[in-house]
C-alpha atoms as a PDB file:
ATOM      1  CA  MET A   1     142.383-114.696 -84.113  1.00  0.00           C
ATOM      2  CA  SER A   2     143.005-118.418 -84.490  1.00  0.00           C
ATOM      3  CA  THR A   3     144.869-120.036 -87.173  1.00  0.00           C
ATOM      4  CA  GLY A   4     143.826-123.744 -86.562  1.00  0.00           C
ATOM      5  CA  ILE A   5     147.405-124.498 -86.282  1.00  0.00           C
ATOM      6  CA  VAL A   6     148.646-125.605 -82.831  1.00  0.00           C
ATOM      7  CA  PHE A   7     152.243-126.458 -83.618  1.00  0.00           C
ATOM      8  CA  ILE A   8     154.871-124.865 -85.731  1.00  0.00           C
ATOM      9  CA  GLY A   9     158.009-127.062 -85.654  1.00  0.00           C
ATOM     10  CA  PRO A  10     158.675-127.679 -81.947  1.00  0.00           C
ATOM     11  CA  TYR A  11     156.894-124.758 -80.929  1.00  0.00           C
ATOM     12  CA  ARG A  12     153.419-124.761 -79.384  1.00  0.00           C
ATOM     13  CA  LEU A  13     151.411-121.679 -80.294  1.00  0.00           C
ATOM     14  CA  LEU A  14     149.935-119.856 -77.294  1.00  0.00           C
ATOM     15  CA  ASN A  15     148.687-116.146 -78.137  1.00  0.00           C
ATOM     16  CA  PRO A  16     148.525-114.191 -81.295  1.00  0.00           C
ATOM     17  CA  ILE A  17     150.788-111.090 -81.169  1.00  0.00           C
ATOM     18  CA  TYR A  18     150.438-109.438 -84.624  1.00  0.00           C
ATOM     19  CA  MET A  19     148.704-110.255 -87.794  1.00  0.00           C
ATOM     20  CA  GLY A  20     150.394-108.629 -90.822  1.00  0.00           C
ATOM     21  CA  ALA A  21     149.611-108.511 -94.584  1.00  0.00           C
ATOM     22  CA  THR A  22     152.368-111.202 -95.195  1.00  0.00           C
ATOM     23  CA  ALA A  23     153.161-112.885 -92.039  1.00  0.00           C
ATOM     24  CA  GLN A  24     151.859-113.435 -88.312  1.00  0.00           C
ATOM     25  CA  LEU A  25     153.568-113.539 -84.920  1.00  0.00           C
ATOM     26  CA  TRP A  26     152.670-115.630 -82.068  1.00  0.00           C
ATOM     27  CA  GLN A  27     153.691-116.081 -78.458  1.00  0.00           C
ATOM     28  CA  GLY A  28     154.980-119.779 -78.369  1.00  0.00           C
ATOM     29  CA  ILE A  29     156.488-122.242 -76.091  1.00  0.00           C
ATOM     30  CA  HIS A  30     159.185-125.080 -77.033  1.00  0.00           C
ATOM     31  CA  ASP A  31     157.369-128.182 -76.168  1.00  0.00           C
ATOM     32  CA  ALA A  32     160.528-129.987 -75.058  1.00  0.00           C
ATOM     33  CA  THR A  33     162.031-127.224 -72.921  1.00  0.00           C
ATOM     34  CA  GLY A  34     159.296-124.986 -71.862  1.00  0.00           C
ATOM     35  CA  GLU A  35     161.018-121.986 -72.988  1.00  0.00           C
ATOM     36  CA  GLN A  36     159.047-119.109 -74.469  1.00  0.00           C
ATOM     37  CA  PHE A  37     159.718-117.772 -78.073  1.00  0.00           C
ATOM     38  CA  ALA A  38     158.086-115.401 -80.541  1.00  0.00           C
ATOM     39  CA  ILE A  39     157.137-117.467 -83.793  1.00  0.00           C
ATOM     40  CA  LYS A  40     156.801-115.526 -86.980  1.00  0.00           C
ATOM     41  CA  PHE A  41     155.244-117.384 -89.839  1.00  0.00           C
ATOM     42  CA  LEU A  42     153.937-116.542 -93.339  1.00  0.00           C
ATOM     43  CA  GLN A  43     150.355-115.931 -94.193  1.00  0.00           C
ATOM     44  CA  GLU A  44     148.795-118.833 -96.059  1.00  0.00           C
ATOM     45  CA  LYS A  45     148.745-117.168 -99.617  1.00  0.00           C
ATOM     46  CA  PHE A  46     152.435-116.288 -99.315  1.00  0.00           C
ATOM     47  CA  ARG A  47     153.802-119.831 -97.984  1.00  0.00           C
ATOM     48  CA  LYS A  48     155.132-120.622-101.525  1.00  0.00           C
ATOM     49  CA  ASP A  49     156.084-117.123-102.406  1.00  0.00           C
ATOM     50  CA  ARG A  50     159.801-117.214-103.067  1.00  0.00           C
ATOM     51  CA  ALA A  51     160.454-113.674-102.261  1.00  0.00           C
ATOM     52  CA  GLN A  52     158.532-113.841 -98.965  1.00  0.00           C
ATOM     53  CA  ILE A  53     160.484-116.973 -98.072  1.00  0.00           C
ATOM     54  CA  GLY A  54     163.713-115.179 -99.037  1.00  0.00           C
ATOM     55  CA  TYR A  55     163.047-112.421 -96.775  1.00  0.00           C
ATOM     56  CA  LEU A  56     162.128-114.952 -93.787  1.00  0.00           C
ATOM     57  CA  LYS A  57     165.459-116.765 -94.477  1.00  0.00           C
ATOM     58  CA  TRP A  58     167.318-113.596 -94.742  1.00  0.00           C
ATOM     59  CA  GLU A  59     166.013-112.338 -91.444  1.00  0.00           C
ATOM     60  CA  TYR A  60     167.222-115.560 -89.858  1.00  0.00           C
ATOM     61  CA  THR A  61     170.728-115.170 -91.513  1.00  0.00           C
ATOM     62  CA  VAL A  62     171.290-111.709 -90.331  1.00  0.00           C
ATOM     63  CA  GLY A  63     169.619-111.924 -86.818  1.00  0.00           C
ATOM     64  CA  SER A  64     171.165-115.315 -85.974  1.00  0.00           C
ATOM     65  CA  GLN A  65     174.707-113.537 -86.176  1.00  0.00           C
ATOM     66  CA  LEU A  66     173.728-110.599 -83.816  1.00  0.00           C
ATOM     67  CA  GLN A  67     174.731-111.008 -80.178  1.00  0.00           C
ATOM     68  CA  ASP A  68     173.629-107.549 -78.490  1.00  0.00           C
ATOM     69  CA  GLU A  69     171.345-107.160 -75.377  1.00  0.00           C
ATOM     70  CA  HIS A  70     169.451-104.379 -77.350  1.00  0.00           C
ATOM     71  CA  VAL A  71     168.949-106.555 -80.569  1.00  0.00           C
ATOM     72  CA  ILE A  72     166.360-109.406 -80.877  1.00  0.00           C
ATOM     73  CA  ARG A  73     167.897-112.684 -80.981  1.00  0.00           C
ATOM     74  CA  ILE A  74     166.674-114.930 -83.978  1.00  0.00           C
ATOM     75  CA  VAL A  75     167.345-118.822 -83.121  1.00  0.00           C
ATOM     76  CA  GLU A  76     165.854-120.779 -86.014  1.00  0.00           C
ATOM     77  CA  PHE A  77     164.510-120.904 -89.608  1.00  0.00           C
ATOM     78  CA  GLY A  78     162.278-123.836 -90.565  1.00  0.00           C
ATOM     79  CA  VAL A  79     159.520-124.974 -92.699  1.00  0.00           C
ATOM     80  CA  HIS A  80     156.779-127.052 -91.032  1.00  0.00           C
ATOM     81  CA  ARG A  81     154.225-128.630 -93.065  1.00  0.00           C
ATOM     82  CA  GLY A  82     154.706-126.250 -95.883  1.00  0.00           C
ATOM     83  CA  ILE A  83     154.785-123.134 -93.414  1.00  0.00           C
ATOM     84  CA  PRO A  84     158.152-121.200 -93.421  1.00  0.00           C
ATOM     85  CA  PHE A  85     158.765-119.720 -89.862  1.00  0.00           C
ATOM     86  CA  VAL A  86     161.532-118.167 -87.789  1.00  0.00           C
ATOM     87  CA  ALA A  87     161.654-118.377 -84.058  1.00  0.00           C
ATOM     88  CA  MET A  88     163.133-115.563 -82.008  1.00  0.00           C
ATOM     89  CA  GLU A  89     163.554-114.780 -78.385  1.00  0.00           C
ATOM     90  CA  TRP A  90     160.428-113.827 -76.263  1.00  0.00           C
ATOM     91  CA  PHE A  91     160.568-110.321 -75.225  1.00  0.00           C
ATOM     92  CA  LEU A  92     157.689-108.759 -73.264  1.00  0.00           C
ATOM     93  CA  GLY A  93     157.038-105.247 -74.687  1.00  0.00           C
ATOM     94  CA  SER A  94     155.139-103.315 -77.306  1.00  0.00           C
ATOM     95  CA  ASN A  95     156.483-101.522 -80.389  1.00  0.00           C
ATOM     96  CA  MET A  96     157.598 -97.816 -80.111  1.00  0.00           C
ATOM     97  CA  LYS A  97     154.624 -96.760 -82.069  1.00  0.00           C
ATOM     98  CA  VAL A  98     152.294 -97.886 -79.501  1.00  0.00           C
ATOM     99  CA  LEU A  99     154.122 -96.019 -76.763  1.00  0.00           C
ATOM    100  CA  ILE A 100     154.028 -92.845 -79.170  1.00  0.00           C
ATOM    101  CA  ARG A 101     150.198 -92.986 -79.262  1.00  0.00           C
ATOM    102  CA  GLN A 102     150.074 -92.806 -75.364  1.00  0.00           C
ATOM    103  CA  GLY A 103     151.534 -89.152 -75.616  1.00  0.00           C
ATOM    104  CA  ILE A 104     154.915 -87.930 -74.367  1.00  0.00           C
ATOM    105  CA  GLU A 105     153.589 -87.202 -70.940  1.00  0.00           C
ATOM    106  CA  ALA A 106     153.027 -90.837 -70.304  1.00  0.00           C
ATOM    107  CA  TYR A 107     156.772 -91.927 -71.115  1.00  0.00           C
ATOM    108  CA  ALA A 108     158.762 -88.979 -71.029  1.00  0.00           C
ATOM    109  CA  HIS A 109     160.515 -90.503 -67.981  1.00  0.00           C
ATOM    110  CA  LEU A 110     161.650 -93.275 -70.210  1.00  0.00           C
ATOM    111  CA  ALA A 111     162.521 -91.216 -73.229  1.00  0.00           C
ATOM    112  CA  LYS A 112     166.255 -90.730 -72.713  1.00  0.00           C
ATOM    113  CA  ARG A 113     166.874 -94.422 -71.783  1.00  0.00           C
ATOM    114  CA  VAL A 114     164.812 -95.527 -74.799  1.00  0.00           C
ATOM    115  CA  ILE A 115     166.926 -93.102 -77.325  1.00  0.00           C
ATOM    116  CA  PHE A 116     170.171 -94.215 -75.987  1.00  0.00           C
ATOM    117  CA  GLN A 117     169.358 -97.809 -76.461  1.00  0.00           C
ATOM    118  CA  ALA A 118     168.014 -97.388 -79.930  1.00  0.00           C
ATOM    119  CA  VAL A 119     171.109 -95.544 -81.113  1.00  0.00           C
ATOM    120  CA  GLU A 120     173.394 -98.186 -79.505  1.00  0.00           C
ATOM    121  CA  ALA A 121     171.374-100.905 -81.260  1.00  0.00           C
ATOM    122  CA  VAL A 122     171.668 -99.525 -84.447  1.00  0.00           C
ATOM    123  CA  ALA A 123     175.420 -98.771 -84.039  1.00  0.00           C
ATOM    124  CA  TYR A 124     175.989-102.326 -83.116  1.00  0.00           C
ATOM    125  CA  LEU A 125     174.212-103.565 -86.361  1.00  0.00           C
ATOM    126  CA  HIS A 126     176.549-101.162 -88.206  1.00  0.00           C
ATOM    127  CA  ARG A 127     179.789-102.741 -86.492  1.00  0.00           C
ATOM    128  CA  GLN A 128     178.517-106.074 -87.823  1.00  0.00           C
ATOM    129  CA  GLY A 129     178.618-104.659 -91.358  1.00  0.00           C
ATOM    130  CA  TYR A 130     174.916-104.195 -92.121  1.00  0.00           C
ATOM    131  CA  VAL A 131     172.602-101.308 -92.782  1.00  0.00           C
ATOM    132  CA  HIS A 132     169.127-102.049 -91.549  1.00  0.00           C
ATOM    133  CA  ARG A 133     167.063 -99.750 -94.157  1.00  0.00           C
ATOM    134  CA  ASP A 134     163.948 -99.857 -92.175  1.00  0.00           C
ATOM    135  CA  ILE A 135     164.512 -98.006 -88.926  1.00  0.00           C
ATOM    136  CA  LYS A 136     161.081 -96.754 -87.632  1.00  0.00           C
ATOM    137  CA  PRO A 137     159.198 -96.756 -84.380  1.00  0.00           C
ATOM    138  CA  GLU A 138     157.364-100.163 -85.173  1.00  0.00           C
ATOM    139  CA  ASN A 139     160.772-101.907 -85.337  1.00  0.00           C
ATOM    140  CA  PHE A 140     161.702-101.227 -81.763  1.00  0.00           C
ATOM    141  CA  LEU A 141     160.203-103.223 -78.833  1.00  0.00           C
ATOM    142  CA  VAL A 142     160.162-101.420 -75.530  1.00  0.00           C
ATOM    143  CA  SER A 143     159.296-102.808 -72.225  1.00  0.00           C
ATOM    144  CA  GLN A 144     157.326-101.098 -69.526  1.00  0.00           C
ATOM    145  CA  THR A 145     160.748-100.153 -67.855  1.00  0.00           C
ATOM    146  CA  GLY A 146     162.142 -98.713 -71.065  1.00  0.00           C
ATOM    147  CA  VAL A 147     164.288-101.747 -72.023  1.00  0.00           C
ATOM    148  CA  LEU A 148     164.491-101.795 -75.819  1.00  0.00           C
ATOM    149  CA  LYS A 149     165.144-104.354 -78.820  1.00  0.00           C
ATOM    150  CA  LEU A 150     165.797-103.732 -82.450  1.00  0.00           C
ATOM    151  CA  ILE A 151     163.782-106.237 -84.515  1.00  0.00           C
ATOM    152  CA  ASP A 152     163.030-107.089 -88.263  1.00  0.00           C
ATOM    153  CA  PHE A 153     166.112-107.682 -90.514  1.00  0.00           C
ATOM    154  CA  ALA A 154     164.436-108.609 -93.601  1.00  0.00           C
ATOM    155  CA  LEU A 155     165.495-105.478 -95.532  1.00  0.00           C
ATOM    156  CA  CYS A 156     169.084-105.545 -94.089  1.00  0.00           C
ATOM    157  CA  ARG A 157     171.758-105.306 -96.595  1.00  0.00           C
ATOM    158  CA  ARG A 158     175.553-105.673 -96.211  1.00  0.00           C
ATOM    159  CA  ILE A 159     177.369-102.123 -96.163  1.00  0.00           C
ATOM    160  CA  ALA A 160     179.063-102.488 -99.608  1.00  0.00           C
ATOM    161  CA  ASN A 161     181.711-100.756-101.595  1.00  0.00           C
ATOM    162  CA  PRO A 162     179.746 -98.035-103.386  1.00  0.00           C
ATOM    163  CA  LEU A 163     180.829 -99.059-106.842  1.00  0.00           C
ATOM    164  CA  ILE A 164     179.466-102.540-106.269  1.00  0.00           C
ATOM    165  CA  TRP A 165     176.246-101.100-105.021  1.00  0.00           C
ATOM    166  CA  LEU A 166     176.031 -98.867-108.305  1.00  0.00           C
ATOM    167  CA  LEU A 167     176.688-102.070-110.289  1.00  0.00           C
ATOM    168  CA  SER A 168     174.144-104.010-108.620  1.00  0.00           C
ATOM    169  CA  PRO A 169     170.670-104.475-110.191  1.00  0.00           C
ATOM    170  CA  LYS A 170     168.467-101.701-109.397  1.00  0.00           C
ATOM    171  CA  THR A 171     165.313-102.615-107.118  1.00  0.00           C
ATOM    172  CA  LYS A 172     162.222-100.877-106.121  1.00  0.00           C
ATOM    173  CA  ILE A 173     162.306 -98.369-103.265  1.00  0.00           C
ATOM    174  CA  GLN A 174     162.374-100.293-100.031  1.00  0.00           C
ATOM    175  CA  GLY A 175     161.767 -98.786 -96.507  1.00  0.00           C
ATOM    176  CA  THR A 176     158.720 -96.952 -94.863  1.00  0.00           C
ATOM    177  CA  CYS A 177     157.925 -93.710 -96.395  1.00  0.00           C
ATOM    178  CA  SER A 178     157.788 -91.684 -93.302  1.00  0.00           C
ATOM    179  CA  TYR A 179     161.230 -92.615 -92.314  1.00  0.00           C
ATOM    180  CA  ILE A 180     163.042 -93.329 -95.506  1.00  0.00           C
ATOM    181  CA  SER A 181     166.267 -91.509 -96.291  1.00  0.00           C
ATOM    182  CA  PRO A 182     166.673 -89.421 -99.466  1.00  0.00           C
ATOM    183  CA  GLU A 183     169.488 -91.694-100.631  1.00  0.00           C
ATOM    184  CA  GLN A 184     167.055 -94.639-100.483  1.00  0.00           C
ATOM    185  CA  ILE A 185     164.487 -92.909-102.491  1.00  0.00           C
ATOM    186  CA  GLN A 186     167.096 -91.947-104.922  1.00  0.00           C
ATOM    187  CA  ASN A 187     168.336 -95.542-104.938  1.00  0.00           C
ATOM    188  CA  ARG A 188     171.924 -94.452-104.021  1.00  0.00           C
ATOM    189  CA  PRO A 189     174.585 -96.432-102.440  1.00  0.00           C
ATOM    190  CA  LEU A 190     173.783 -96.715 -98.626  1.00  0.00           C
ATOM    191  CA  ASP A 191     175.771 -96.727 -95.531  1.00  0.00           C
ATOM    192  CA  GLY A 192     175.097 -96.222 -91.947  1.00  0.00           C
ATOM    193  CA  ARG A 193     174.118 -92.642 -92.515  1.00  0.00           C
ATOM    194  CA  ALA A 194     170.930 -93.713 -94.079  1.00  0.00           C
ATOM    195  CA  ASP A 195     169.885 -95.413 -90.997  1.00  0.00           C
ATOM    196  CA  LEU A 196     170.911 -92.383 -88.936  1.00  0.00           C
ATOM    197  CA  TYR A 197     168.505 -90.212 -90.984  1.00  0.00           C
ATOM    198  CA  SER A 198     165.819 -92.839 -90.337  1.00  0.00           C
ATOM    199  CA  LEU A 199     166.844 -93.114 -86.699  1.00  0.00           C
ATOM    200  CA  ALA A 200     166.495 -89.084 -86.363  1.00  0.00           C
ATOM    201  CA  CYS A 201     163.034 -89.247 -87.751  1.00  0.00           C
ATOM    202  CA  THR A 202     162.014 -91.883 -85.170  1.00  0.00           C
ATOM    203  CA  ILE A 203     163.537 -89.953 -82.335  1.00  0.00           C
ATOM    204  CA  TYR A 204     161.781 -86.772 -83.676  1.00  0.00           C
ATOM    205  CA  GLU A 205     158.336 -88.710 -83.456  1.00  0.00           C
ATOM    206  CA  LEU A 206     159.175 -90.256 -80.168  1.00  0.00           C
ATOM    207  CA  LEU A 207     159.737 -86.686 -78.595  1.00  0.00           C
ATOM    208  CA  SER A 208     157.110 -84.732 -80.569  1.00  0.00           C
ATOM    209  CA  GLY A 209     154.346 -87.255 -81.291  1.00  0.00           C
ATOM    210  CA  ARG A 210     154.768 -86.959 -85.075  1.00  0.00           C
ATOM    211  CA  PRO A 211     157.282 -87.682 -87.781  1.00  0.00           C
ATOM    212  CA  PRO A 212     159.319 -84.741 -89.285  1.00  0.00           C
ATOM    213  CA  PHE A 213     157.383 -85.101 -92.611  1.00  0.00           C
ATOM    214  CA  THR A 214     153.847 -85.769 -93.446  1.00  0.00           C
ATOM    215  CA  GLY A 215     152.059 -85.699 -96.934  1.00  0.00           C
ATOM    216  CA  ILE A 216     148.565 -86.486 -98.268  1.00  0.00           C
ATOM    217  CA  ASN A 217     150.039 -89.197-100.243  1.00  0.00           C
ATOM    218  CA  GLN A 218     153.338 -91.322-100.839  1.00  0.00           C
ATOM    219  CA  SER A 219     154.590 -88.998-103.651  1.00  0.00           C
ATOM    220  CA  GLU A 220     154.343 -85.781-101.672  1.00  0.00           C
ATOM    221  CA  LEU A 221     155.771 -87.554 -98.668  1.00  0.00           C
ATOM    222  CA  LEU A 222     158.816 -88.707-100.432  1.00  0.00           C
ATOM    223  CA  ASN A 223     159.354 -85.137-102.127  1.00  0.00           C
ATOM    224  CA  ARG A 224     159.485 -83.483 -98.761  1.00  0.00           C
ATOM    225  CA  HIS A 225     162.124 -86.106 -97.650  1.00  0.00           C
ATOM    226  CA  LEU A 226     163.994 -84.817-100.717  1.00  0.00           C
ATOM    227  CA  LYS A 227     163.555 -81.285-100.470  1.00  0.00           C
ATOM    228  CA  ALA A 228     161.596 -80.020 -97.234  1.00  0.00           C
ATOM    229  CA  VAL A 229     163.234 -78.611 -93.980  1.00  0.00           C
ATOM    230  CA  PRO A 230     161.656 -80.366 -91.066  1.00  0.00           C
ATOM    231  CA  PRO A 231     160.147 -78.041 -88.499  1.00  0.00           C
ATOM    232  CA  PRO A 232     162.529 -77.474 -85.467  1.00  0.00           C
ATOM    233  CA  ILE A 233     161.408 -80.048 -82.854  1.00  0.00           C
ATOM    234  CA  GLU A 234     161.181 -77.435 -80.248  1.00  0.00           C
ATOM    235  CA  SER A 235     158.421 -75.783 -82.123  1.00  0.00           C
ATOM    236  CA  ILE A 236     156.328 -78.763 -81.441  1.00  0.00           C
ATOM    237  CA  ASN A 237     157.633 -79.837 -77.998  1.00  0.00           C
ATOM    238  CA  PRO A 238     158.949 -76.695 -76.245  1.00  0.00           C
ATOM    239  CA  ASN A 239     160.561 -78.677 -73.477  1.00  0.00           C
ATOM    240  CA  ILE A 240     163.367 -79.975 -75.982  1.00  0.00           C
ATOM    241  CA  THR A 241     166.714 -78.013 -75.598  1.00  0.00           C
ATOM    242  CA  PRO A 242     168.110 -76.064 -78.580  1.00  0.00           C
ATOM    243  CA  GLN A 243     171.318 -78.159 -78.456  1.00  0.00           C
ATOM    244  CA  PHE A 244     169.423 -81.356 -78.727  1.00  0.00           C
ATOM    245  CA  SER A 245     167.177 -80.028 -81.671  1.00  0.00           C
ATOM    246  CA  GLN A 246     170.395 -78.965 -83.519  1.00  0.00           C
ATOM    247  CA  LEU A 247     171.834 -82.589 -82.904  1.00  0.00           C
ATOM    248  CA  LEU A 248     168.653 -83.816 -84.709  1.00  0.00           C
ATOM    249  CA  GLN A 249     168.596 -81.223 -87.403  1.00  0.00           C
ATOM    250  CA  LYS A 250     172.066 -82.278 -88.501  1.00  0.00           C
ATOM    251  CA  ALA A 251     171.117 -85.976 -88.565  1.00  0.00           C
ATOM    252  CA  LEU A 252     168.132 -85.023 -90.713  1.00  0.00           C
ATOM    253  CA  ALA A 253     170.468 -83.293 -93.470  1.00  0.00           C
ATOM    254  CA  LYS A 254     169.278 -84.339 -96.905  1.00  0.00           C
ATOM    255  CA  CYS A 255     172.697 -85.114 -97.975  1.00  0.00           C
ATOM    256  CA  PRO A 256     174.486 -87.853 -96.218  1.00  0.00           C
ATOM    257  CA  ALA A 257     177.860 -85.847 -96.049  1.00  0.00           C
ATOM    258  CA  ASP A 258     176.074 -83.326 -94.069  1.00  0.00           C
ATOM    259  CA  ARG A 259     174.999 -85.506 -91.340  1.00  0.00           C
ATOM    260  CA  TYR A 260     177.388 -87.080 -88.682  1.00  0.00           C
ATOM    261  CA  ARG A 261     179.877 -89.557 -90.007  1.00  0.00           C
ATOM    262  CA  SER A 262     178.212 -92.448 -88.261  1.00  0.00           C
ATOM    263  CA  VAL A 263     175.491 -93.483 -85.727  1.00  0.00           C
ATOM    264  CA  ALA A 264     178.421 -94.008 -83.497  1.00  0.00           C
ATOM    265  CA  GLU A 265     179.512 -90.416 -83.641  1.00  0.00           C
ATOM    266  CA  PHE A 266     175.844 -89.500 -82.975  1.00  0.00           C
ATOM    267  CA  PHE A 267     175.802 -91.654 -80.145  1.00  0.00           C
ATOM    268  CA  GLY A 268     179.006 -90.036 -78.654  1.00  0.00           C
ATOM    269  CA  LEU A 269     177.479 -86.509 -78.952  1.00  0.00           C
ATOM    270  CA  LEU A 270     174.264 -87.553 -77.098  1.00  0.00           C
ATOM    271  CA  HIS A 271     176.307 -87.690 -73.821  1.00  0.00           C
ATOM    272  CA  ASP A 272     177.270 -84.093 -74.224  1.00  0.00           C
ATOM    273  CA  VAL A 273     173.680 -82.521 -74.381  1.00  0.00           C
ATOM    274  CA  GLU A 274     170.430 -82.486 -72.410  1.00  0.00           C
ATOM    275  CA  ILE A 275     167.289 -83.720 -74.262  1.00  0.00           C
ATOM    276  CA  PHE A 276     164.685 -81.677 -72.038  1.00  0.00           C
ATOM    277  CA  LYS A 277     164.833 -78.321 -70.534  1.00  0.00           C
ATOM    278  CA  ASP A 278     163.023 -79.618 -67.599  1.00  0.00           C
ATOM    279  CA  LYS A 279     163.784 -83.073 -66.583  1.00  0.00           C
ATOM    280  CA  PRO A 280     160.726 -85.316 -66.289  1.00  0.00           C
ATOM    281  CA  PRO A 281     159.807 -86.486 -63.051  1.00  0.00           C
ATOM    282  CA  GLY A 282     161.213 -89.856 -62.139  1.00  0.00           C
ATOM    283  CA  GLU A 283     163.605 -89.902 -65.346  1.00  0.00           C
ATOM    284  CA  LEU A 284     165.235 -93.134 -65.776  1.00  0.00           C
ATOM    285  CA  PRO A 285     169.025 -92.948 -66.758  1.00  0.00           C
ATOM    286  CA  PRO A 286     170.389 -94.545 -69.842  1.00  0.00           C
ATOM    287  CA  VAL A 287     171.456 -98.238 -69.653  1.00  0.00           C
ATOM    288  CA  VAL A 288     175.168 -98.398 -69.379  1.00  0.00           C
ATOM    289  CA  VAL A 289     176.742-100.023 -72.379  1.00  0.00           C
ATOM    290  CA  ALA A 290     179.884-101.749 -71.427  1.00  0.00           C
ATOM    291  CA  GLY A 291     182.796-101.353 -73.908  1.00  0.00           C
ATOM    292  CA  PHE A 292     180.926 -98.956 -76.325  1.00  0.00           C
END
């Protein structure tokens, strides 16, 4: 998987990590300092695409402001010989989707730690005034010891006054169909409760191996987000407590007003319930978040 490119700006490319439709991600090293970074740059056919360059610039604009141990740190945006790129901190971990594919038995001991960090990371983003709009397993990196980082801020948007949102030009639906909130589908004003819904879908999949809704096509899937009731998670994973199942069901309510008021409120309630009926052997405790 070679690009023929040796350097992007001051970064020497070492190993390919991910090849997407519009961008690729490489492990790199700063040639002067020796520090490792992850380098994301656009695929050749998108290097003059204003929209894709805009997403990359915006990811840097948002990500460079964020200073939280569970959020990836983005350090630079640049254009090297016509190639737009961002550099971000190097974190040794795979995305949560890779973890889920291993089966819950393989990572049950990490699940509580991962969930608490994911919720805290999203709550932090909201405290900075942003809604992520694309919370999903692929946008969380998880290390072998259960340390987590939230990534990909290209679709982030400022949490705005609902009137301003309504008066803004309507755009196409943005998000990922298996995790998208009903209000995103309907192009309604968004706040942190939209991310809460997507986060609940993500946690549901982490603990059951499947998202709460599936469909034979995009239209059917989106319609289920709008109208269908998700099966209680304990019907898929009998080791989930009824209390945690109820917590998740409320976070998955169709109407934002029927969910918790915020991800922070959801985070607070997490401390009061057990996730598993039978605690997984070797379960690791949540990472303590100072001052939350």
